[in-house]
Protein backbone atom coordinates (compact mmCIF):
# COMPACT_ATOMS: atom_id res chain seq x y z
CA UNK A 1 -6.72 -5.27 -11.40
CA UNK A 2 -10.19 -6.35 -10.11
CA UNK A 3 -11.79 -9.23 -12.08
CA UNK A 4 -8.86 -9.20 -14.53
CA UNK A 5 -5.85 -10.55 -12.69
CA UNK A 6 -2.25 -9.45 -12.30
CA UNK A 7 -0.51 -7.11 -14.75
CA UNK A 8 3.31 -6.87 -14.77
CA UNK A 9 4.81 -3.68 -16.25
CA UNK A 10 8.39 -2.60 -16.87
CA UNK A 11 9.42 0.20 -14.55
CA UNK A 12 11.79 1.55 -17.22
CA UNK A 13 9.53 2.03 -20.23
CA UNK A 14 6.08 1.07 -18.85
CA UNK A 15 5.67 -1.82 -21.27
CA UNK A 16 3.31 -4.69 -20.36
CA UNK A 17 5.49 -7.73 -19.58
CA UNK A 18 2.93 -10.31 -18.48
CA UNK A 19 -0.70 -10.92 -17.56
CA UNK A 20 -1.89 -13.61 -15.16
CA UNK A 21 -5.57 -14.33 -14.59
CA UNK A 22 -6.71 -15.11 -11.04
CA UNK A 23 -7.19 -18.83 -11.72
CA UNK A 24 -3.63 -19.12 -13.06
CA UNK A 25 -2.36 -17.55 -9.82
CA UNK A 26 -4.03 -20.39 -7.87
CA UNK A 27 -5.88 -18.20 -5.34
CA UNK A 28 -9.46 -19.32 -6.02
CA UNK A 29 -10.05 -20.54 -2.45
CA UNK A 30 -9.04 -17.12 -1.07
CA UNK A 31 -11.14 -15.04 -3.46
CA UNK A 32 -13.35 -13.73 -0.64
CA UNK A 33 -10.27 -11.90 0.65
CA UNK A 34 -8.81 -10.80 -2.70
CA UNK A 35 -10.65 -7.52 -3.12
CA UNK A 36 -9.33 -4.29 -4.64
CA UNK A 37 -8.12 -3.07 -1.23
CA UNK A 38 -5.88 -6.12 -0.60
CA UNK A 39 -2.31 -5.31 0.53
CA UNK A 40 0.61 -7.50 1.55
CA UNK A 41 3.48 -6.81 3.96
CA UNK A 42 6.50 -9.23 3.96
CA UNK A 43 7.43 -10.58 7.41
CA UNK A 44 10.32 -12.90 6.47
CA UNK A 45 11.53 -15.11 3.62
CA UNK A 46 8.43 -17.32 3.64
CA UNK A 47 5.51 -15.42 5.12
CA UNK A 48 3.62 -12.16 4.84
CA UNK A 49 0.68 -10.29 6.38
CA UNK A 50 -2.31 -9.98 4.06
CA UNK A 51 -4.60 -7.01 4.73
CA UNK A 52 -8.07 -7.80 3.41
CA UNK A 53 -11.71 -6.78 3.51
CA UNK A 54 -12.03 -8.92 6.67
CA UNK A 55 -9.07 -7.86 8.82
CA UNK A 56 -5.66 -9.53 8.55
CA UNK A 57 -4.32 -12.92 7.50
CA UNK A 58 -0.84 -14.37 7.98
CA UNK A 59 0.16 -16.34 4.89
CA UNK A 60 3.05 -18.83 4.80
CA UNK A 61 4.33 -20.32 1.55
CA UNK A 62 6.88 -22.90 0.42
CA UNK A 63 9.90 -22.60 -1.88
CA UNK A 64 7.67 -23.17 -4.92
CA UNK A 65 5.61 -20.10 -4.01
CA UNK A 66 2.55 -22.16 -3.02
CA UNK A 67 0.52 -21.20 0.05
CA UNK A 68 1.21 -23.71 2.86
CA UNK A 69 -0.64 -22.12 5.80
CA UNK A 70 -3.27 -19.44 6.30
CA UNK A 71 -3.65 -18.04 9.84
CA UNK A 72 -6.76 -16.02 10.66
CA UNK A 73 -6.66 -15.92 14.49
CA UNK A 74 -4.19 -13.04 14.79
CA UNK A 75 -4.31 -10.85 17.94
CA UNK A 76 -4.93 -7.73 15.82
CA UNK A 77 -8.15 -9.30 14.49
CA UNK A 78 -9.74 -9.14 17.95
CA UNK A 79 -10.46 -5.47 17.24
CA UNK A 80 -10.15 -5.26 13.45
CA UNK A 81 -11.22 -8.69 12.18
CA UNK A 82 -14.40 -7.28 10.64
CA UNK A 83 -12.84 -4.13 9.22
CA UNK A 84 -12.02 -3.41 5.59
CA UNK A 85 -8.28 -2.60 5.55
CA UNK A 86 -7.38 0.07 2.99
CA UNK A 87 -3.57 -0.01 3.33
CA UNK A 88 -0.78 -1.28 5.59
CA UNK A 89 2.99 -1.13 6.12
CA UNK A 90 5.71 -2.10 8.63
CA UNK A 91 8.14 0.41 10.12
CA UNK A 92 11.72 -0.43 11.13
CA UNK A 93 10.60 -1.32 14.66
CA UNK A 94 8.25 -3.98 13.27
CA UNK A 95 5.07 -2.10 14.15
CA UNK A 96 2.17 -2.46 11.75
CA UNK A 97 0.60 0.72 10.37
CA UNK A 98 -2.74 0.40 8.62
CA UNK A 99 -5.86 2.34 7.69
CA UNK A 100 -9.56 1.62 7.88
CA UNK A 101 -12.47 3.88 7.02
CA UNK A 102 -11.54 7.25 8.50
CA UNK A 103 -8.76 5.89 10.76
CA UNK A 104 -4.98 5.52 10.72
CA UNK A 105 -3.76 2.90 13.21
CA UNK A 106 -0.39 1.67 14.48
CA UNK A 107 -0.31 -1.72 16.22
CA UNK A 108 1.86 -4.44 17.76
CA UNK A 109 1.41 -7.62 15.70
CA UNK A 110 2.35 -9.93 18.60
CA UNK A 111 -0.05 -8.51 21.20
CA UNK A 112 -2.67 -6.74 19.08
CA UNK A 113 -2.29 -3.54 21.13
CA UNK A 114 -3.02 -0.53 18.94
CA UNK A 115 -3.13 3.26 18.89
CA UNK A 116 -5.07 5.65 16.67
CA UNK A 117 -2.84 8.19 14.92
CA UNK A 118 -3.96 11.82 14.90
CA UNK A 119 -2.58 14.86 13.05
CA UNK A 120 -3.12 17.65 15.60
CA UNK A 121 -0.69 20.16 14.01
CA UNK A 122 -2.44 20.60 10.66
CA UNK A 123 -5.77 22.14 9.72
CA UNK A 124 -6.11 19.67 6.81
CA UNK A 125 -7.29 16.15 7.66
CA UNK A 126 -4.65 14.23 5.70
CA UNK A 127 -5.24 11.03 7.67
CA UNK A 128 -8.90 10.75 6.67
CA UNK A 129 -9.25 7.83 4.21
CA UNK A 130 -5.66 6.68 3.69
CA UNK A 131 -5.26 4.31 0.71
CA UNK A 132 -1.48 3.87 0.62
CA UNK A 133 1.20 3.50 3.35
CA UNK A 134 4.94 3.33 2.66
CA UNK A 135 8.16 3.71 4.68
CA UNK A 136 11.26 4.91 2.80
CA UNK A 137 14.90 4.07 3.64
CA UNK A 138 14.98 6.80 6.31
CA UNK A 139 11.80 5.31 7.89
CA UNK A 140 9.77 8.38 6.92
CA UNK A 141 6.07 7.59 6.63
CA UNK A 142 4.39 8.31 3.29
CA UNK A 143 0.61 8.34 2.95
CA UNK A 144 -1.57 8.15 -0.15
CA UNK A 145 -4.85 9.74 0.91
CA UNK A 146 -8.18 11.04 -0.35
CA UNK A 147 -6.57 14.48 -0.56
CA UNK A 148 -3.33 13.34 -2.24
CA UNK A 149 0.15 12.34 -1.02
CA UNK A 150 1.64 13.35 2.34
CA UNK A 151 4.68 12.32 4.40
CA UNK A 152 5.90 12.79 7.95
CA UNK A 153 9.09 14.40 9.14
CA UNK A 154 10.39 15.46 12.56
CA UNK A 155 9.40 19.12 12.60
CA UNK A 156 6.01 20.86 12.34
CA UNK A 157 3.83 20.37 10.45
CA UNK A 158 4.14 16.55 10.62
CA UNK A 159 2.35 16.01 7.29
CA UNK A 160 3.44 17.76 4.11
CA UNK A 161 0.91 17.68 1.24
CA UNK A 162 2.35 16.62 -2.11
CA UNK A 163 -0.28 15.87 -4.70
CA UNK A 164 -0.07 18.19 -7.71
CA UNK A 165 2.10 20.41 -9.89
CA UNK A 166 1.13 22.68 -12.77
CA UNK A 167 0.11 19.86 -15.12
CA UNK A 168 -0.74 16.75 -13.03
CA UNK A 169 -2.98 16.11 -10.03
CA UNK A 170 -3.13 12.86 -8.00
CA UNK A 171 -6.59 12.23 -6.55
CA UNK A 172 -7.10 10.01 -4.67
CA UNK A 173 -3.82 8.15 -4.20
CA UNK A 174 -4.32 4.43 -3.49
CA UNK A 175 -0.79 3.02 -3.51
CA UNK A 176 2.83 4.21 -3.38
CA UNK A 177 5.99 2.50 -4.65
CA UNK A 178 9.46 4.05 -4.25
CA UNK A 179 11.89 3.16 -7.03
CA UNK A 180 14.52 5.16 -5.13
CA UNK A 181 14.75 8.08 -2.69
CA UNK A 182 14.32 10.31 -5.76
CA UNK A 183 11.43 8.68 -7.64
CA UNK A 184 8.09 7.50 -6.22
CA UNK A 185 5.25 5.95 -8.25
CA UNK A 186 1.67 6.67 -7.13
CA UNK A 187 -1.30 4.55 -8.16
CA UNK A 188 -4.48 6.61 -8.05
CA UNK A 189 -8.08 6.62 -9.10
CA UNK A 190 -7.23 8.87 -12.03
CA UNK A 191 -4.14 7.00 -13.26
CA UNK A 192 -0.49 6.07 -12.65
CA UNK A 193 1.92 8.89 -11.73
CA UNK A 194 5.68 9.30 -11.34
CA UNK A 195 6.76 11.78 -8.64
CA UNK A 196 10.30 13.18 -8.87
CA UNK A 197 11.28 14.43 -5.40
CA UNK A 198 14.36 16.31 -6.64
CA UNK A 199 12.57 18.38 -9.28
CA UNK A 200 9.14 18.46 -7.57
CA UNK A 201 7.56 17.28 -10.82
CA UNK A 202 4.64 14.90 -11.20
CA UNK A 203 4.31 13.03 -14.52
CA UNK A 204 1.13 11.17 -15.47
CA UNK A 205 2.20 7.84 -17.05
CA UNK A 206 -1.30 6.56 -17.77
CA UNK A 207 -4.77 8.03 -17.17
CA UNK A 208 -6.89 5.34 -18.86
CA UNK A 209 -7.71 3.38 -15.68
CA UNK A 210 -7.34 3.31 -11.89
CA UNK A 211 -4.25 1.75 -10.26
CA UNK A 212 -4.57 0.07 -6.86
CA UNK A 213 -1.26 -1.80 -6.48
CA UNK A 214 2.34 -1.44 -7.76
CA UNK A 215 5.31 -3.76 -7.25
CA UNK A 216 8.62 -4.62 -8.92
CA UNK A 217 9.90 -8.09 -9.83
CA UNK A 218 13.51 -8.97 -9.08
CA UNK A 219 15.60 -9.36 -12.23
CA UNK A 220 16.74 -12.90 -11.35
CA UNK A 221 13.18 -14.26 -11.12
C-alpha cells in the first residue's frame, strides 16, 4: 500500500495478519523504485526481477532475506530502462511478459530482444493499459486491464473478457493472484475481488480502498 507499507491478509477469512512499515522492511535506499506499480518475478531461490518505474532491476538476496546485489544494467533496459512498468510475468519458457503505457511486450531476458503483442482478432483493445499479468498451471496468460480481466486460449478470439457478473464489476484490474485453477483474486482500483471460475461468480471482498498487489505467505515461514 503506497506510503503505508506491507499488509498481510489471511486468504481464508481475509483477516489482517501483519503490517510492516517501509522502514521496517529495510528498503529505504531503493525507495525511488518502490512505487505503486512495482512488481516482482522470482528467477530462482535467491534472486528475482523487479519491475519498477525506471525499467527493470535484478535483485539477489541472502538466506536472511537481505538484499546482497542490485543489478541495473540488464539487456532489457537498453530499450525500456526509462519506462514505467505496469506489470510483468514469466511464462514456462522463461520469457518475460510485461506492460508499459499502452503496450504489452514479450522479451528475452538474456538478450533483451523483444516483441510487441497485438490482439488482431478482437474488436476490443484488451491489451491497452495492462496492470496485471499472470500465468496459470496450464501456462494460459491472464491479463488485468483497464477494461477488466482477460485470458488467452488457443482458439479465436484469443482474449476472453471476464470482468463482471450481475452484482460485481472489476475496473480497472491491477493485479491477479490464483489460489487454484478454480479461484482467482483480483486487486483493482475499486476493491479486492474473488473470481470463481467454476461458477462464473465474482465476489467483492472489500471496496474501501484500491489493491495493487496480492501474494500468499508459505505456512512454514
